[in-house]
Structure formats: C-alpha cells, structure tokens
C-alpha atoms as a PDB file:
ATOM      1  CA  UNK A   1     -36.894  43.509   9.617  1.00  0.00           C
ATOM      2  CA  UNK A   2     -36.150  40.688  11.994  1.00  0.00           C
ATOM      3  CA  UNK A   3     -36.174  37.944   9.455  1.00  0.00           C
ATOM      4  CA  UNK A   4     -33.978  40.123   7.371  1.00  0.00           C
ATOM      5  CA  UNK A   5     -31.438  40.786   9.914  1.00  0.00           C
ATOM      6  CA  UNK A   6     -31.622  37.179  10.970  1.00  0.00           C
ATOM      7  CA  UNK A   7     -30.782  35.942   7.529  1.00  0.00           C
ATOM      8  CA  UNK A   8     -28.131  38.647   6.810  1.00  0.00           C
ATOM      9  CA  UNK A   9     -26.234  37.208  10.082  1.00  0.00           C
ATOM     10  CA  UNK A  10     -26.768  33.540   8.829  1.00  0.00           C
ATOM     11  CA  UNK A  11     -25.373  34.617   5.387  1.00  0.00           C
ATOM     12  CA  UNK A  12     -22.254  36.372   7.013  1.00  0.00           C
ATOM     13  CA  UNK A  13     -21.581  33.655   9.355  1.00  0.00           C
ATOM     14  CA  UNK A  14     -21.642  30.854   6.640  1.00  0.00           C
ATOM     15  CA  UNK A  15     -18.994  33.149   4.734  1.00  0.00           C
ATOM     16  CA  UNK A  16     -16.924  33.649   7.974  1.00  0.00           C
ATOM     17  CA  UNK A  17     -16.692  29.844   8.203  1.00  0.00           C
ATOM     18  CA  UNK A  18     -16.111  29.368   4.559  1.00  0.00           C
ATOM     19  CA  UNK A  19     -13.231  31.892   5.076  1.00  0.00           C
ATOM     20  CA  UNK A  20     -11.729  30.205   7.858  1.00  0.00           C
ATOM     21  CA  UNK A  21     -11.991  26.565   6.711  1.00  0.00           C
ATOM     22  CA  UNK A  22      -8.191  25.196   5.902  1.00  0.00           C
ATOM     23  CA  UNK A  23      -7.492  25.457   1.810  1.00  0.00           C
ATOM     24  CA  UNK A  24      -6.976  22.032   0.508  1.00  0.00           C
ATOM     25  CA  UNK A  25      -3.641  20.768   0.002  1.00  0.00           C
ATOM     26  CA  UNK A  26      -1.865  22.314  -3.698  1.00  0.00           C
ATOM     27  CA  UNK A  27      -0.652  18.924  -4.440  1.00  0.00           C
ATOM     28  CA  UNK A  28      -1.697  15.887  -1.818  1.00  0.00           C
ATOM     29  CA  UNK A  29       0.685  13.251  -1.418  1.00  0.00           C
ATOM     30  CA  UNK A  30      -1.595  10.827  -3.591  1.00  0.00           C
ATOM     31  CA  UNK A  31      -1.401  13.136  -6.496  1.00  0.00           C
ATOM     32  CA  UNK A  32       2.217  12.673  -6.378  1.00  0.00           C
ATOM     33  CA  UNK A  33       2.028   9.725  -8.597  1.00  0.00           C
ATOM     34  CA  UNK A  34       0.134   9.221 -11.848  1.00  0.00           C
ATOM     35  CA  UNK A  35      -1.226   5.911 -13.203  1.00  0.00           C
ATOM     36  CA  UNK A  36       0.714   4.639 -16.153  1.00  0.00           C
ATOM     37  CA  UNK A  37      -0.293   1.076 -16.442  1.00  0.00           C
ATOM     38  CA  UNK A  38      -2.999  -1.112 -14.662  1.00  0.00           C
ATOM     39  CA  UNK A  39      -5.183  -3.875 -15.305  1.00  0.00           C
ATOM     40  CA  UNK A  40      -9.008  -4.111 -13.752  1.00  0.00           C
ATOM     41  CA  UNK A  41      -9.295  -7.816 -14.578  1.00  0.00           C
ATOM     42  CA  UNK A  42     -12.853  -6.749 -15.964  1.00  0.00           C
ATOM     43  CA  UNK A  43     -13.011  -8.961 -19.107  1.00  0.00           C
ATOM     44  CA  UNK A  44     -13.750 -12.322 -18.943  1.00  0.00           C
ATOM     45  CA  UNK A  45     -11.725 -15.088 -20.298  1.00  0.00           C
ATOM     46  CA  UNK A  46      -7.651 -15.511 -20.772  1.00  0.00           C
ATOM     47  CA  UNK A  47      -5.730 -12.697 -19.453  1.00  0.00           C
ATOM     48  CA  UNK A  48      -5.374  -9.723 -21.418  1.00  0.00           C
ATOM     49  CA  UNK A  49      -2.772 -10.400 -23.796  1.00  0.00           C
ATOM     50  CA  UNK A  50      -1.694  -6.850 -24.377  1.00  0.00           C
ATOM     51  CA  UNK A  51      -0.739  -6.926 -20.811  1.00  0.00           C
ATOM     52  CA  UNK A  52       0.362 -10.313 -19.978  1.00  0.00           C
ATOM     53  CA  UNK A  53       2.280 -12.779 -21.292  1.00  0.00           C
ATOM     54  CA  UNK A  54       2.768 -16.675 -19.915  1.00  0.00           C
ATOM     55  CA  UNK A  55       6.666 -17.648 -18.862  1.00  0.00           C
ATOM     56  CA  UNK A  56       7.309 -21.419 -19.345  1.00  0.00           C
ATOM     57  CA  UNK A  57      10.691 -21.179 -20.244  1.00  0.00           C
ATOM     58  CA  UNK A  58      12.245 -22.914 -16.854  1.00  0.00           C
ATOM     59  CA  UNK A  59       9.800 -25.788 -17.054  1.00  0.00           C
ATOM     60  CA  UNK A  60      12.571 -28.214 -17.773  1.00  0.00           C
ATOM     61  CA  UNK A  61      14.821 -27.485 -14.996  1.00  0.00           C
ATOM     62  CA  UNK A  62      12.464 -26.718 -12.131  1.00  0.00           C
ATOM     63  CA  UNK A  63      13.000 -22.752 -12.617  1.00  0.00           C
ATOM     64  CA  UNK A  64      16.311 -23.406 -10.842  1.00  0.00           C
ATOM     65  CA  UNK A  65      14.705 -24.011  -7.654  1.00  0.00           C
ATOM     66  CA  UNK A  66      13.352 -27.434  -8.258  1.00  0.00           C
ATOM     67  CA  UNK A  67       9.969 -26.660  -8.566  1.00  0.00           C
ATOM     68  CA  UNK A  68       6.914 -29.344  -8.852  1.00  0.00           C
ATOM     69  CA  UNK A  69       4.785 -27.339 -11.291  1.00  0.00           C
ATOM     70  CA  UNK A  70       4.331 -27.224 -14.970  1.00  0.00           C
ATOM     71  CA  UNK A  71       3.889 -23.878 -16.021  1.00  0.00           C
ATOM     72  CA  UNK A  72       0.962 -23.653 -18.965  1.00  0.00           C
ATOM     73  CA  UNK A  73      -0.069 -20.779 -21.110  1.00  0.00           C
ATOM     74  CA  UNK A  74      -3.227 -19.640 -22.653  1.00  0.00           C
ATOM     75  CA  UNK A  75      -5.121 -22.183 -20.483  1.00  0.00           C
ATOM     76  CA  UNK A  76      -8.030 -21.124 -18.366  1.00  0.00           C
ATOM     77  CA  UNK A  77      -7.500 -23.470 -15.767  1.00  0.00           C
ATOM     78  CA  UNK A  78      -4.447 -22.402 -14.859  1.00  0.00           C
ATOM     79  CA  UNK A  79      -5.060 -18.571 -15.442  1.00  0.00           C
ATOM     80  CA  UNK A  80      -8.631 -17.052 -15.803  1.00  0.00           C
ATOM     81  CA  UNK A  81     -10.289 -13.963 -15.505  1.00  0.00           C
ATOM     82  CA  UNK A  82     -14.043 -13.833 -14.173  1.00  0.00           C
ATOM     83  CA  UNK A  83     -16.027 -11.921 -12.188  1.00  0.00           C
ATOM     84  CA  UNK A  84     -13.852  -8.475 -11.739  1.00  0.00           C
ATOM     85  CA  UNK A  85     -10.600 -10.972 -10.614  1.00  0.00           C
ATOM     86  CA  UNK A  86      -7.779 -13.060 -11.901  1.00  0.00           C
ATOM     87  CA  UNK A  87      -7.395 -16.487 -10.599  1.00  0.00           C
ATOM     88  CA  UNK A  88      -4.198 -18.172 -10.903  1.00  0.00           C
ATOM     89  CA  UNK A  89      -4.882 -21.906 -10.119  1.00  0.00           C
ATOM     90  CA  UNK A  90      -2.294 -24.638  -9.035  1.00  0.00           C
ATOM     91  CA  UNK A  91      -3.646 -27.878  -9.974  1.00  0.00           C
ATOM     92  CA  UNK A  92      -2.946 -31.947  -9.306  1.00  0.00           C
ATOM     93  CA  UNK A  93      -2.792 -33.389 -12.561  1.00  0.00           C
ATOM     94  CA  UNK A  94       0.227 -34.770 -14.777  1.00  0.00           C
ATOM     95  CA  UNK A  95       1.786 -32.283 -17.424  1.00  0.00           C
ATOM     96  CA  UNK A  96       5.072 -32.360 -19.295  1.00  0.00           C
ATOM     97  CA  UNK A  97       6.651 -34.888 -16.867  1.00  0.00           C
ATOM     98  CA  UNK A  98       5.264 -32.860 -13.440  1.00  0.00           C
ATOM     99  CA  UNK A  99       2.795 -33.904 -11.052  1.00  0.00           C
ATOM    100  CA  UNK A 100       1.238 -30.328 -11.211  1.00  0.00           C
ATOM    101  CA  UNK A 101       0.244 -27.095 -13.217  1.00  0.00           C
ATOM    102  CA  UNK A 102       0.109 -23.605 -12.399  1.00  0.00           C
ATOM    103  CA  UNK A 103       0.482 -20.496 -14.304  1.00  0.00           C
ATOM    104  CA  UNK A 104       3.586 -17.892 -14.362  1.00  0.00           C
ATOM    105  CA  UNK A 105       2.299 -14.219 -15.681  1.00  0.00           C
ATOM    106  CA  UNK A 106       4.894 -11.449 -16.598  1.00  0.00           C
ATOM    107  CA  UNK A 107       4.387  -8.177 -18.152  1.00  0.00           C
ATOM    108  CA  UNK A 108       7.518  -8.119 -19.959  1.00  0.00           C
ATOM    109  CA  UNK A 109       7.792  -5.994 -22.833  1.00  0.00           C
ATOM    110  CA  UNK A 110       4.480  -4.842 -22.034  1.00  0.00           C
ATOM    111  CA  UNK A 111       5.048  -3.184 -18.967  1.00  0.00           C
ATOM    112  CA  UNK A 112       8.519  -2.354 -18.042  1.00  0.00           C
ATOM    113  CA  UNK A 113       9.581   0.542 -15.716  1.00  0.00           C
ATOM    114  CA  UNK A 114      12.257   2.240 -13.834  1.00  0.00           C
ATOM    115  CA  UNK A 115      11.398   3.273 -10.497  1.00  0.00           C
ATOM    116  CA  UNK A 116       7.718   3.978  -9.268  1.00  0.00           C
ATOM    117  CA  UNK A 117       4.938   2.391  -7.311  1.00  0.00           C
ATOM    118  CA  UNK A 118       2.958  -0.758  -8.344  1.00  0.00           C
ATOM    119  CA  UNK A 119       0.293  -2.327  -6.282  1.00  0.00           C
ATOM    120  CA  UNK A 120      -1.300  -5.782  -6.437  1.00  0.00           C
ATOM    121  CA  UNK A 121      -4.462  -6.708  -4.274  1.00  0.00           C
ATOM    122  CA  UNK A 122      -4.699 -10.109  -3.479  1.00  0.00           C
ATOM    123  CA  UNK A 123      -5.955 -13.121  -1.763  1.00  0.00           C
ATOM    124  CA  UNK A 124      -3.513 -15.934  -1.409  1.00  0.00           C
ATOM    125  CA  UNK A 125      -3.541 -19.658  -1.420  1.00  0.00           C
ATOM    126  CA  UNK A 126      -2.860 -21.712   1.498  1.00  0.00           C
ATOM    127  CA  UNK A 127      -1.418 -25.329   2.070  1.00  0.00           C
ATOM    128  CA  UNK A 128       1.942 -27.117   2.802  1.00  0.00           C
ATOM    129  CA  UNK A 129       3.524 -26.805  -0.712  1.00  0.00           C
ATOM    130  CA  UNK A 130       2.131 -23.433  -2.226  1.00  0.00           C
ATOM    131  CA  UNK A 131       4.669 -20.801  -3.079  1.00  0.00           C
ATOM    132  CA  UNK A 132       2.652 -17.602  -4.310  1.00  0.00           C
ATOM    133  CA  UNK A 133       4.872 -14.398  -5.375  1.00  0.00           C
ATOM    134  CA  UNK A 134       4.336 -11.053  -6.508  1.00  0.00           C
ATOM    135  CA  UNK A 135       7.703 -10.101  -7.643  1.00  0.00           C
ATOM    136  CA  UNK A 136       9.948  -8.203 -10.115  1.00  0.00           C
ATOM    137  CA  UNK A 137      13.224  -9.069 -12.720  1.00  0.00           C
ATOM    138  CA  UNK A 138      14.813  -7.087 -14.910  1.00  0.00           C
ATOM    139  CA  UNK A 139      13.805  -6.893 -18.342  1.00  0.00           C
ATOM    140  CA  UNK A 140      17.193  -6.733 -19.899  1.00  0.00           C
ATOM    141  CA  UNK A 141      19.557  -8.134 -17.781  1.00  0.00           C
ATOM    142  CA  UNK A 142      22.204  -5.659 -17.954  1.00  0.00           C
ATOM    143  CA  UNK A 143      24.462  -6.565 -15.419  1.00  0.00           C
ATOM    144  CA  UNK A 144      24.357 -10.260 -16.450  1.00  0.00           C
ATOM    145  CA  UNK A 145      22.200 -13.296 -15.225  1.00  0.00           C
ATOM    146  CA  UNK A 146      20.851 -13.836 -11.835  1.00  0.00           C
ATOM    147  CA  UNK A 147      21.449 -12.337  -9.293  1.00  0.00           C
ATOM    148  CA  UNK A 148      23.780  -9.803 -10.728  1.00  0.00           C
ATOM    149  CA  UNK A 149      20.780  -7.471 -12.646  1.00  0.00           C
ATOM    150  CA  UNK A 150      18.585  -8.011  -9.244  1.00  0.00           C
ATOM    151  CA  UNK A 151      15.185  -9.392  -8.087  1.00  0.00           C
ATOM    152  CA  UNK A 152      12.784  -7.458  -6.001  1.00  0.00           C
ATOM    153  CA  UNK A 153      10.211  -9.886  -4.336  1.00  0.00           C
ATOM    154  CA  UNK A 154       7.353  -7.959  -3.207  1.00  0.00           C
ATOM    155  CA  UNK A 155       5.469 -10.626  -1.808  1.00  0.00           C
ATOM    156  CA  UNK A 156       6.466 -14.190  -1.069  1.00  0.00           C
ATOM    157  CA  UNK A 157       4.858 -16.743   1.012  1.00  0.00           C
ATOM    158  CA  UNK A 158       5.499 -20.888   1.840  1.00  0.00           C
ATOM    159  CA  UNK A 159       2.393 -22.459   2.677  1.00  0.00           C
ATOM    160  CA  UNK A 160       4.235 -24.768   5.721  1.00  0.00           C
ATOM    161  CA  UNK A 161       4.937 -21.182   7.370  1.00  0.00           C
ATOM    162  CA  UNK A 162       1.317 -19.960   7.213  1.00  0.00           C
ATOM    163  CA  UNK A 163       0.453 -16.295   7.306  1.00  0.00           C
ATOM    164  CA  UNK A 164       3.741 -14.820   7.253  1.00  0.00           C
ATOM    165  CA  UNK A 165       4.430 -12.514   3.931  1.00  0.00           C
ATOM    166  CA  UNK A 166       8.016 -12.120   2.871  1.00  0.00           C
ATOM    167  CA  UNK A 167       9.713  -9.086   0.937  1.00  0.00           C
ATOM    168  CA  UNK A 168      13.348  -9.427   0.075  1.00  0.00           C
ATOM    169  CA  UNK A 169      16.015  -7.940  -2.391  1.00  0.00           C
ATOM    170  CA  UNK A 170      18.598 -10.011  -4.219  1.00  0.00           C
ATOM    171  CA  UNK A 171      21.675  -8.608  -5.656  1.00  0.00           C
ATOM    172  CA  UNK A 172      25.027 -10.144  -6.661  1.00  0.00           C
ATOM    173  CA  UNK A 173      25.997  -9.399  -3.065  1.00  0.00           C
ATOM    174  CA  UNK A 174      22.876  -9.960  -1.176  1.00  0.00           C
ATOM    175  CA  UNK A 175      21.453 -12.961  -2.212  1.00  0.00           C
ATOM    176  CA  UNK A 176      19.725 -16.212  -0.782  1.00  0.00           C
ATOM    177  CA  UNK A 177      22.664 -18.192  -2.376  1.00  0.00           C
ATOM    178  CA  UNK A 178      25.170 -16.644  -0.083  1.00  0.00           C
ATOM    179  CA  UNK A 179      22.987 -16.603   2.939  1.00  0.00           C
ATOM    180  CA  UNK A 180      22.982 -12.491   2.661  1.00  0.00           C
ATOM    181  CA  UNK A 181      19.970 -11.700   1.125  1.00  0.00           C
ATOM    182  CA  UNK A 182      18.338  -8.745   2.762  1.00  0.00           C
ATOM    183  CA  UNK A 183      14.388  -9.526   3.793  1.00  0.00           C
ATOM    184  CA  UNK A 184      11.785  -9.047   6.264  1.00  0.00           C
ATOM    185  CA  UNK A 185       8.392 -10.350   7.135  1.00  0.00           C
ATOM    186  CA  UNK A 186       4.954  -9.806   8.912  1.00  0.00           C
ATOM    187  CA  UNK A 187       2.099 -11.756   9.780  1.00  0.00           C
ATOM    188  CA  UNK A 188      -1.017 -11.403   8.319  1.00  0.00           C
ATOM    189  CA  UNK A 189      -3.750 -13.527   9.773  1.00  0.00           C
ATOM    190  CA  UNK A 190      -6.457 -13.130   6.948  1.00  0.00           C
ATOM    191  CA  UNK A 191      -3.873 -13.132   3.987  1.00  0.00           C
ATOM    192  CA  UNK A 192      -5.616 -16.563   2.642  1.00  0.00           C
ATOM    193  CA  UNK A 193      -9.604 -15.184   3.398  1.00  0.00           C
ATOM    194  CA  UNK A 194      -9.175 -11.558   2.790  1.00  0.00           C
ATOM    195  CA  UNK A 195      -7.859  -9.264   0.085  1.00  0.00           C
ATOM    196  CA  UNK A 196      -4.588  -7.059   1.075  1.00  0.00           C
ATOM    197  CA  UNK A 197      -2.774  -4.626  -0.750  1.00  0.00           C
ATOM    198  CA  UNK A 198       0.916  -5.646  -1.678  1.00  0.00           C
ATOM    199  CA  UNK A 199       2.789  -2.578  -2.948  1.00  0.00           C
ATOM    200  CA  UNK A 200       6.520  -1.144  -3.371  1.00  0.00           C
ATOM    201  CA  UNK A 201       7.550   2.382  -3.864  1.00  0.00           C
ATOM    202  CA  UNK A 202      10.809   2.177  -6.033  1.00  0.00           C
ATOM    203  CA  UNK A 203      13.108   4.991  -6.214  1.00  0.00           C
ATOM    204  CA  UNK A 204      16.714   6.142  -7.227  1.00  0.00           C
ATOM    205  CA  UNK A 205      17.726   6.057  -3.621  1.00  0.00           C
ATOM    206  CA  UNK A 206      15.648   3.027  -1.762  1.00  0.00           C
ATOM    207  CA  UNK A 207      12.880   0.993  -2.646  1.00  0.00           C
ATOM    208  CA  UNK A 208      10.064   0.228   0.609  1.00  0.00           C
ATOM    209  CA  UNK A 209       7.563  -2.437   0.669  1.00  0.00           C
ATOM    210  CA  UNK A 210       4.058  -2.295   2.275  1.00  0.00           C
ATOM    211  CA  UNK A 211       1.412  -4.866   3.195  1.00  0.00           C
ATOM    212  CA  UNK A 212      -1.681  -2.414   3.202  1.00  0.00           C
ATOM    213  CA  UNK A 213      -0.204   0.807   4.658  1.00  0.00           C
ATOM    214  CA  UNK A 214       2.199  -0.812   6.954  1.00  0.00           C
ATOM    215  CA  UNK A 215       5.695  -0.626   5.819  1.00  0.00           C
ATOM    216  CA  UNK A 216       7.795  -4.092   6.179  1.00  0.00           C
ATOM    217  CA  UNK A 217      11.092  -3.757   4.111  1.00  0.00           C
ATOM    218  CA  UNK A 218      13.100  -0.688   2.752  1.00  0.00           C
ATOM    219  CA  UNK A 219      16.251  -1.650   0.826  1.00  0.00           C
ATOM    220  CA  UNK A 220      18.739   1.153   0.276  1.00  0.00           C
ATOM    221  CA  UNK A 221      21.391   2.096  -2.532  1.00  0.00           C
ATOM    222  CA  UNK A 222      24.500   1.982  -0.328  1.00  0.00           C
ATOM    223  CA  UNK A 223      26.105   3.862  -3.666  1.00  0.00           C
ATOM    224  CA  UNK A 224      28.622   1.090  -4.225  1.00  0.00           C
ATOM    225  CA  UNK A 225      27.530  -0.092  -7.925  1.00  0.00           C
ATOM    226  CA  UNK A 226      25.538  -2.922  -9.483  1.00  0.00           C
ATOM    227  CA  UNK A 227      26.705  -5.570  -7.181  1.00  0.00           C
ATOM    228  CA  UNK A 228      24.669  -4.041  -4.526  1.00  0.00           C
ATOM    229  CA  UNK A 229      22.006  -1.665  -6.185  1.00  0.00           C
ATOM    230  CA  UNK A 230      21.330  -2.937  -9.707  1.00  0.00           C
ATOM    231  CA  UNK A 231      18.103  -1.383  -9.395  1.00  0.00           C
ATOM    232  CA  UNK A 232      18.676   1.354 -12.062  1.00  0.00           C
ATOM    233  CA  UNK A 233      17.176  -0.415 -14.940  1.00  0.00           C
ATOM    234  CA  UNK A 234      13.886  -1.560 -16.411  1.00  0.00           C
ATOM    235  CA  UNK A 235      12.050  -4.404 -14.403  1.00  0.00           C
ATOM    236  CA  UNK A 236       8.631  -5.820 -15.020  1.00  0.00           C
ATOM    237  CA  UNK A 237       6.135  -7.759 -13.111  1.00  0.00           C
ATOM    238  CA  UNK A 238       5.549 -11.372 -12.256  1.00  0.00           C
ATOM    239  CA  UNK A 239       2.261 -12.930 -10.890  1.00  0.00           C
ATOM    240  CA  UNK A 240       2.501 -16.645 -10.161  1.00  0.00           C
ATOM    241  CA  UNK A 241       1.902 -19.731  -7.969  1.00  0.00           C
ATOM    242  CA  UNK A 242       4.467 -22.287  -7.602  1.00  0.00           C
ATOM    243  CA  UNK A 243       4.193 -25.672  -6.136  1.00  0.00           C
ATOM    244  CA  UNK A 244       7.080 -27.266  -4.052  1.00  0.00           C
ATOM    245  CA  UNK A 245      10.469 -25.889  -4.726  1.00  0.00           C
ATOM    246  CA  UNK A 246      13.922 -25.551  -2.534  1.00  0.00           C
ATOM    247  CA  UNK A 247      11.722 -23.533  -0.234  1.00  0.00           C
ATOM    248  CA  UNK A 248       8.235 -23.923  -1.118  1.00  0.00           C
ATOM    249  CA  UNK A 249       8.456 -28.005  -0.746  1.00  0.00           C
ATOM    250  CA  UNK A 250      11.080 -28.050   1.873  1.00  0.00           C
ATOM    251  CA  UNK A 251       8.702 -29.439   4.319  1.00  0.00           C
ATOM    252  CA  UNK A 252       6.668 -31.432   1.239  1.00  0.00           C
ATOM    253  CA  UNK A 253       3.402 -30.881  -0.361  1.00  0.00           C
ATOM    254  CA  UNK A 254       0.121 -31.916   0.566  1.00  0.00           C
ATOM    255  CA  UNK A 255      -1.677 -33.600  -2.174  1.00  0.00           C
ATOM    256  CA  UNK A 256      -5.139 -33.019  -0.183  1.00  0.00           C
ATOM    257  CA  UNK A 257      -5.151 -29.289  -0.744  1.00  0.00           C
ATOM    258  CA  UNK A 258      -5.649 -29.005  -4.986  1.00  0.00           C
ATOM    259  CA  UNK A 259      -6.901 -26.960  -6.417  1.00  0.00           C
ATOM    260  CA  UNK A 260      -5.484 -23.913  -5.037  1.00  0.00           C
ATOM    261  CA  UNK A 261      -5.961 -20.442  -6.116  1.00  0.00           C
ATOM    262  CA  UNK A 262      -4.264 -17.024  -5.999  1.00  0.00           C
ATOM    263  CA  UNK A 263      -7.136 -14.183  -6.811  1.00  0.00           C
ATOM    264  CA  UNK A 264      -5.562 -10.696  -7.885  1.00  0.00           C
ATOM    265  CA  UNK A 265      -8.344  -7.950  -7.568  1.00  0.00           C
ATOM    266  CA  UNK A 266      -6.269  -5.704  -9.585  1.00  0.00           C
ATOM    267  CA  UNK A 267      -2.718  -4.556 -10.708  1.00  0.00           C
ATOM    268  CA  UNK A 268      -1.832  -0.634 -10.806  1.00  0.00           C
ATOM    269  CA  UNK A 269       1.788   0.922 -12.061  1.00  0.00           C
ATOM    270  CA  UNK A 270       2.108   4.781 -11.064  1.00  0.00           C
ATOM    271  CA  UNK A 271       5.204   6.844 -11.877  1.00  0.00           C
ATOM    272  CA  UNK A 272       5.974  10.235 -10.255  1.00  0.00           C
ATOM    273  CA  UNK A 273       4.926  13.306 -12.520  1.00  0.00           C
END
C-alpha cells in the first residue's frame, strides 16, 4: 500500500508540474518568416547555375569605381564550391587588361525579392586593397539608373581599415557622390578568421542590418517618394570581392597578400508568411 501511495503521489506531482509549465508560444518570432530561397553550397564545383549568374558587364569601365580586378565567369579559380562552402577568390594575374581577377556573383532573375530577410554567413578576406561586399541592387531599375533606383549595402569592408564592417543605403537623395549617404559601422575583431552572420530585415517602413544579432544600421522610409525610399521594388543579391577602387584602393594595393578569399557558408532568404 505504501508503494502504491508513493507511486500515485509521484504521478500527481508530475502531472501538476506539467499543468503549471508555461505553454509554448503559438507563433514564436522565428516562425514569422518562411524560407523562400537558399544555397547551402553542398555540391562541389561551380556555383549552382540555377541560383547564381556572373556579373561581368562593368569590367571595361572599372564598375564606375576604378576597380582594379577583372571579374570572370565559370572559372573555379575565382568562384568554387567545395566542402560545404563557396569560395570567391581574388588572384594577382593579368587578364582583360587588368592585373587581378575575381568573381561577382548575382541572383538576378534567379532570386529577386521585395521585402524579407536575407542572411549570409561568411568569413572576409583581409589585406590592403581588398573590398569584399554583400549587397543588393534593383532588378528592374524602375526609378532610373544609379542611384535613383537604390542600393543596399549589407556588408562592406575595406582592407586598409581592418575589422570595420560598414552597412549603408544609397538613394537619389542619399549617396556617396553627394556625400549624403546614410551608413554605420561596427568593429568585428575576428571577421577575417571566423564566420559571422550578415543579415538584413527589410520591410515597407524601414530596413535593418545586423551582424550576428547586433543591430548596426536602420534606414527608414521617410514617406517622401522614391528619391529617398526606392526600396519598394524587387532587389537581388550580390556577393563579390573587389580589388582596389576609389574606396578599397584609396591607400593602395598590397600585392604580397594574394590570393585572398571570401568564404560563404550559406545564403538564406526568408519572407513573412
């Protein structure tokens, strides 16, 4: 009888404890978004052609920034998936009248989104002259050429200013040509040796940029039309490693550092249900 009494008491206590446990949230924050596009880089070889294209159109004019690299296409030495990661590699070599090669991958027409959350987990290349970027451009340029249709810089880093991660917005009214661009930066001491998550959360009222879980930049819709907020149209993602340029090369290029790689663990895009 004592054994039965103890067993019954244990059962009642366990059930009371379960009844008193807080109920799980009906719709936790991580379920607000649903995954709509991703690349986990789990197949070795060239980047997945169903997700990525190579942007080479600006090679002749230095991409408007006097960049020193020649972007290639379908070339493993500049863009390769292996061991679960994407490697974008800048190399010191002559090609197309330039002294360096690299790659600029884009999702245009294969991944275009209006609003949502974009996450890129990456290790950045270091060294003077390096200019890696994770960013977004308009797919349809409905408000006109740059900067009228906008540019979103999720992550930029220039090697001569090590460890500083810069997030920016460029529009007709706010851009670096006028010296009015909106931006902010944060120092990440191991951005060249460890993976960090670079993320944008983009809504109709604003977009927010994070490094890991740290909010570093917010750009708001001021309600003044496309000249301030062109971010109501489709955008696509770009991943590239530039060499030199007006900003990246403003303190020269260290030719002893090459090759240099940006390593990307994954890219994931979510949109609200």
